[in-house]
Amino acid sequence: MKTVLIAAALMLSAATAHAADTCTSKAVDKNGKPLAGAALASSVKKCQKDAATACDLSAKDKNGKPLAGAAKSSYTKKCVSDAIGG
């Protein structure tokens, strides 16, 4: 139970950190125009993969120990969702 509460606190802090910097907001071309179609899909897919890797590495409790099991899964799912703008 304690681990779930810690995971929930981490998710809230991650949500505020990632709120303005989503994959869809970063998907722009060299002229600053938003991407569309296949280019957008490819950019978001790469961003999602990078976010999943970063979220897995940052899944730690308040003492710096790595999360495991359901707490890690929940944290990673929420972190990736926030990162891609979902």
Protein backbone atom coordinates (compact mmCIF):
# COMPACT_ATOMS: atom_id res chain seq x y z
CA MET A 1 0.00 0.00 0.00
CA LYS A 2 2.81 2.36 0.89
CA THR A 3 4.45 1.72 -2.50
CA VAL A 4 1.22 2.57 -4.33
CA LEU A 5 0.93 5.87 -2.46
CA ILE A 6 4.52 6.72 -3.30
CA ALA A 7 3.88 5.89 -6.94
CA ALA A 8 0.82 8.15 -6.94
CA ALA A 9 2.88 11.03 -5.53
CA LEU A 10 5.55 10.48 -8.16
CA MET A 11 2.93 10.45 -10.91
CA LEU A 12 1.55 13.77 -9.79
CA SER A 13 4.99 15.34 -9.82
CA ALA A 14 5.73 13.82 -13.22
CA ALA A 15 2.44 15.14 -14.59
CA THR A 16 3.32 18.71 -13.72
CA ALA A 17 6.84 18.34 -15.09
CA HIS A 18 5.70 16.96 -18.45
CA ALA A 19 2.51 18.98 -18.90
CA ALA A 20 3.88 21.66 -21.24
CA ASP A 21 6.39 19.49 -23.11
CA THR A 22 4.44 16.75 -24.90
CA CYS A 23 5.44 14.72 -27.95
CA THR A 24 2.70 16.29 -30.02
CA SER A 25 3.83 19.80 -29.09
CA LYS A 26 7.43 18.94 -30.04
CA ALA A 27 6.43 17.55 -33.46
CA VAL A 28 7.33 20.51 -35.66
CA ASP A 29 9.31 20.82 -38.88
CA LYS A 30 12.43 22.94 -39.37
CA ASN A 31 10.27 25.99 -40.14
CA GLY A 32 8.31 25.65 -36.91
CA LYS A 33 5.12 24.35 -38.51
CA PRO A 34 3.32 21.38 -36.91
CA LEU A 35 3.89 18.00 -38.55
CA ALA A 36 1.00 16.03 -40.05
CA GLY A 37 0.30 12.55 -41.35
CA ALA A 38 3.10 9.99 -41.47
CA ALA A 39 5.72 12.47 -40.28
CA LEU A 40 3.66 13.24 -37.17
CA ALA A 41 3.06 9.54 -36.50
CA SER A 42 6.75 8.73 -36.84
CA SER A 43 7.80 11.61 -34.62
CA VAL A 44 5.28 10.69 -31.91
CA LYS A 45 6.28 7.00 -32.08
CA LYS A 46 9.97 7.85 -31.58
CA CYS A 47 9.11 10.29 -28.81
CA GLN A 48 6.95 7.65 -27.10
CA LYS A 49 9.80 5.13 -27.22
CA ASP A 50 12.23 7.69 -25.78
CA ALA A 51 9.69 8.63 -23.09
CA ALA A 52 9.19 4.99 -22.08
CA THR A 53 12.94 4.56 -21.67
CA ALA A 54 13.25 7.76 -19.64
CA CYS A 55 10.24 6.87 -17.49
CA ASP A 56 11.61 3.39 -16.75
CA LEU A 57 14.89 4.93 -15.62
CA SER A 58 13.18 7.56 -13.46
CA ALA A 59 10.81 5.12 -11.70
CA LYS A 60 12.18 5.46 -8.17
CA ASP A 61 10.60 5.87 -4.76
CA LYS A 62 11.25 8.76 -2.39
CA ASN A 63 14.35 6.97 -1.03
CA GLY A 64 15.86 6.53 -4.48
CA LYS A 65 15.15 2.81 -4.71
CA PRO A 66 13.77 1.53 -8.04
CA LEU A 67 10.05 0.83 -8.15
CA ALA A 68 8.93 -2.71 -8.94
CA GLY A 69 5.78 -4.55 -9.94
CA ALA A 70 2.48 -2.70 -10.11
CA ALA A 71 3.92 0.55 -8.82
CA LYS A 72 6.50 0.65 -11.62
CA SER A 73 3.91 -0.30 -14.26
CA SER A 74 1.51 2.37 -13.05
CA TYR A 75 4.20 5.04 -12.87
CA THR A 76 5.57 4.20 -16.33
CA LYS A 77 2.11 4.13 -17.94
CA LYS A 78 1.19 7.54 -16.49
CA CYS A 79 4.61 9.04 -17.27
CA VAL A 80 4.50 7.92 -20.92
CA SER A 81 0.88 9.08 -21.26
CA ASP A 82 1.84 12.53 -20.00
CA ALA A 83 4.88 12.66 -22.26
CA ILE A 84 2.94 11.91 -25.43
CA GLY A 85 0.14 14.26 -24.54
CA GLY A 86 -2.53 11.64 -23.89
